[in-house]
Amino acid sequence: MSRPYVLKNPPPPEVRRERARKGAIAANSADTLIKRLAAQAPALTPAQAAKIRALLASVPDTGGEIE
């Protein structure tokens, strides 16, 4: 049986908290949420797809490309 991995010099709690905060912001950013929604697109119900279409129709077209 192997031993659990334990850091010899773990970062201070403030550093770990800040790292976790930044990770949560990245995980819940608009880009990440859109990617997750796009991955689930085949499983959307017609009502859910209609809600998304309505939301997208209300967004003004800036003429730029979507990344």
N, C-alpha and C. Protein backbone atom coordinates (compact mmCIF):
# COMPACT_ATOMS: atom_id res chain seq x y z
N MET A 1 0.85 -1.17 0.00
CA MET A 1 0.00 0.00 0.00
C MET A 1 0.89 1.24 0.00
N SER A 2 0.57 2.18 -0.88
CA SER A 2 1.41 3.37 -0.98
C SER A 2 0.98 4.42 0.03
N ARG A 3 1.93 5.27 0.36
CA ARG A 3 1.64 6.34 1.31
C ARG A 3 0.99 7.50 0.58
N PRO A 4 0.14 8.29 1.26
CA PRO A 4 -0.47 9.45 0.62
C PRO A 4 0.58 10.52 0.33
N TYR A 5 0.35 11.26 -0.74
CA TYR A 5 1.26 12.32 -1.13
C TYR A 5 1.06 13.51 -0.21
N VAL A 6 2.13 13.94 0.44
CA VAL A 6 2.08 15.09 1.34
C VAL A 6 3.21 16.04 0.96
N LEU A 7 2.85 17.32 0.76
CA LEU A 7 3.87 18.30 0.43
C LEU A 7 4.79 18.54 1.62
N LYS A 8 6.08 18.66 1.34
CA LYS A 8 7.02 18.93 2.43
C LYS A 8 6.91 20.38 2.90
N ASN A 9 6.73 21.28 1.98
CA ASN A 9 6.61 22.70 2.30
C ASN A 9 5.33 23.25 1.66
N PRO A 10 4.16 23.00 2.24
CA PRO A 10 2.93 23.50 1.61
C PRO A 10 2.88 25.02 1.65
N PRO A 11 2.21 25.62 0.64
CA PRO A 11 2.11 27.08 0.64
C PRO A 11 1.26 27.56 1.82
N PRO A 12 1.46 28.79 2.23
CA PRO A 12 0.68 29.32 3.35
C PRO A 12 -0.81 29.36 3.01
N PRO A 13 -1.66 29.40 4.03
CA PRO A 13 -3.11 29.39 3.79
C PRO A 13 -3.59 30.54 2.88
N GLU A 14 -2.97 31.72 3.00
CA GLU A 14 -3.39 32.84 2.15
C GLU A 14 -3.18 32.52 0.68
N VAL A 15 -2.06 31.88 0.37
CA VAL A 15 -1.75 31.53 -1.02
C VAL A 15 -2.73 30.49 -1.52
N ARG A 16 -3.03 29.49 -0.69
CA ARG A 16 -3.99 28.46 -1.09
C ARG A 16 -5.38 29.03 -1.30
N ARG A 17 -5.77 29.96 -0.42
CA ARG A 17 -7.08 30.60 -0.56
C ARG A 17 -7.18 31.41 -1.84
N GLU A 18 -6.13 32.18 -2.14
CA GLU A 18 -6.10 33.00 -3.36
C GLU A 18 -6.12 32.11 -4.60
N ARG A 19 -5.38 31.03 -4.58
CA ARG A 19 -5.35 30.09 -5.71
C ARG A 19 -6.74 29.48 -5.92
N ALA A 20 -7.40 29.11 -4.84
CA ALA A 20 -8.74 28.53 -4.93
C ALA A 20 -9.74 29.57 -5.43
N ARG A 21 -9.59 30.84 -4.98
CA ARG A 21 -10.48 31.90 -5.42
C ARG A 21 -10.36 32.13 -6.92
N LYS A 22 -9.11 32.18 -7.41
CA LYS A 22 -8.88 32.38 -8.83
C LYS A 22 -9.40 31.19 -9.65
N GLY A 23 -9.24 29.99 -9.12
CA GLY A 23 -9.74 28.81 -9.81
C GLY A 23 -11.26 28.83 -9.91
N ALA A 24 -11.93 29.27 -8.86
CA ALA A 24 -13.39 29.36 -8.88
C ALA A 24 -13.85 30.40 -9.89
N ILE A 25 -13.14 31.53 -9.97
CA ILE A 25 -13.50 32.56 -10.94
C ILE A 25 -13.35 32.01 -12.35
N ALA A 26 -12.26 31.30 -12.62
CA ALA A 26 -12.03 30.75 -13.95
C ALA A 26 -13.06 29.69 -14.29
N ALA A 27 -13.41 28.85 -13.32
CA ALA A 27 -14.37 27.77 -13.57
C ALA A 27 -15.77 28.30 -13.83
N ASN A 28 -16.07 29.49 -13.34
CA ASN A 28 -17.41 30.06 -13.50
C ASN A 28 -17.43 31.27 -14.42
N SER A 29 -16.40 31.42 -15.25
CA SER A 29 -16.37 32.54 -16.18
C SER A 29 -17.38 32.29 -17.31
N ALA A 30 -17.75 33.35 -18.00
CA ALA A 30 -18.71 33.22 -19.09
C ALA A 30 -18.20 32.26 -20.16
N ASP A 31 -16.92 32.37 -20.50
CA ASP A 31 -16.36 31.48 -21.53
C ASP A 31 -16.45 30.02 -21.13
N THR A 32 -16.13 29.73 -19.88
CA THR A 32 -16.18 28.35 -19.41
C THR A 32 -17.61 27.83 -19.39
N LEU A 33 -18.54 28.66 -18.93
CA LEU A 33 -19.93 28.25 -18.89
C LEU A 33 -20.48 28.00 -20.30
N ILE A 34 -20.08 28.83 -21.27
CA ILE A 34 -20.52 28.63 -22.65
C ILE A 34 -19.95 27.33 -23.20
N LYS A 35 -18.68 27.05 -22.92
CA LYS A 35 -18.07 25.79 -23.39
C LYS A 35 -18.79 24.59 -22.80
N ARG A 36 -19.13 24.67 -21.51
CA ARG A 36 -19.83 23.55 -20.87
C ARG A 36 -21.23 23.38 -21.46
N LEU A 37 -21.90 24.48 -21.74
CA LEU A 37 -23.23 24.41 -22.33
C LEU A 37 -23.16 23.85 -23.74
N ALA A 38 -22.17 24.27 -24.51
CA ALA A 38 -22.01 23.77 -25.88
C ALA A 38 -21.74 22.26 -25.89
N ALA A 39 -21.01 21.80 -24.89
CA ALA A 39 -20.73 20.36 -24.81
C ALA A 39 -22.00 19.56 -24.52
N GLN A 40 -22.96 20.19 -23.87
CA GLN A 40 -24.21 19.53 -23.52
C GLN A 40 -25.32 19.80 -24.53
N ALA A 41 -25.04 20.51 -25.61
CA ALA A 41 -26.06 20.92 -26.58
C ALA A 41 -26.92 19.77 -27.09
N PRO A 42 -26.37 18.61 -27.41
CA PRO A 42 -27.24 17.54 -27.90
C PRO A 42 -28.28 17.07 -26.87
N ALA A 43 -28.01 17.26 -25.60
CA ALA A 43 -28.92 16.77 -24.57
C ALA A 43 -29.97 17.82 -24.16
N LEU A 44 -29.94 19.01 -24.76
CA LEU A 44 -30.90 20.05 -24.39
C LEU A 44 -32.30 19.70 -24.87
N THR A 45 -33.28 20.05 -24.06
CA THR A 45 -34.67 19.87 -24.47
C THR A 45 -35.04 21.01 -25.42
N PRO A 46 -36.10 20.85 -26.19
CA PRO A 46 -36.51 21.96 -27.06
C PRO A 46 -36.82 23.24 -26.29
N ALA A 47 -37.37 23.13 -25.09
CA ALA A 47 -37.67 24.32 -24.28
C ALA A 47 -36.38 25.01 -23.86
N GLN A 48 -35.37 24.25 -23.48
CA GLN A 48 -34.09 24.83 -23.09
C GLN A 48 -33.42 25.51 -24.28
N ALA A 49 -33.48 24.87 -25.44
CA ALA A 49 -32.90 25.45 -26.65
C ALA A 49 -33.61 26.75 -27.01
N ALA A 50 -34.93 26.80 -26.83
CA ALA A 50 -35.69 28.01 -27.12
C ALA A 50 -35.29 29.15 -26.18
N LYS A 51 -35.04 28.83 -24.91
CA LYS A 51 -34.59 29.85 -23.95
C LYS A 51 -33.24 30.43 -24.38
N ILE A 52 -32.34 29.56 -24.81
CA ILE A 52 -31.02 30.02 -25.24
C ILE A 52 -31.13 30.89 -26.49
N ARG A 53 -31.98 30.45 -27.45
CA ARG A 53 -32.18 31.26 -28.66
C ARG A 53 -32.71 32.65 -28.31
N ALA A 54 -33.65 32.71 -27.38
CA ALA A 54 -34.22 34.00 -26.98
C ALA A 54 -33.16 34.88 -26.33
N LEU A 55 -32.32 34.29 -25.50
CA LEU A 55 -31.24 35.07 -24.88
C LEU A 55 -30.26 35.59 -25.92
N LEU A 56 -29.89 34.74 -26.86
CA LEU A 56 -28.93 35.15 -27.88
C LEU A 56 -29.53 36.19 -28.82
N ALA A 57 -30.83 36.13 -29.07
CA ALA A 57 -31.47 37.11 -29.94
C ALA A 57 -31.46 38.49 -29.30
N SER A 58 -31.43 38.56 -27.97
CA SER A 58 -31.46 39.84 -27.29
C SER A 58 -30.07 40.49 -27.16
N VAL A 59 -29.03 39.75 -27.52
CA VAL A 59 -27.66 40.28 -27.44
C VAL A 59 -27.38 41.08 -28.71
N PRO A 60 -26.96 42.35 -28.57
CA PRO A 60 -26.68 43.14 -29.77
C PRO A 60 -25.47 42.60 -30.52
N ASP A 61 -25.54 42.65 -31.83
CA ASP A 61 -24.44 42.19 -32.67
C ASP A 61 -23.38 43.29 -32.73
N THR A 62 -22.18 42.97 -32.30
CA THR A 62 -21.09 43.96 -32.28
C THR A 62 -20.32 43.95 -33.59
N GLY A 63 -20.61 43.00 -34.47
CA GLY A 63 -19.91 42.94 -35.74
C GLY A 63 -18.56 42.26 -35.65
N GLY A 64 -18.14 41.91 -34.44
CA GLY A 64 -16.86 41.25 -34.26
C GLY A 64 -17.01 39.74 -34.30
N GLU A 65 -15.89 39.09 -34.35
CA GLU A 65 -15.91 37.64 -34.37
C GLU A 65 -15.94 37.10 -32.95
N ILE A 66 -16.58 35.98 -32.78
CA ILE A 66 -16.60 35.30 -31.49
C ILE A 66 -15.36 34.45 -31.41
N GLU A 67 -14.69 34.52 -30.28
CA GLU A 67 -13.45 33.75 -30.10
C GLU A 67 -13.73 32.30 -29.92
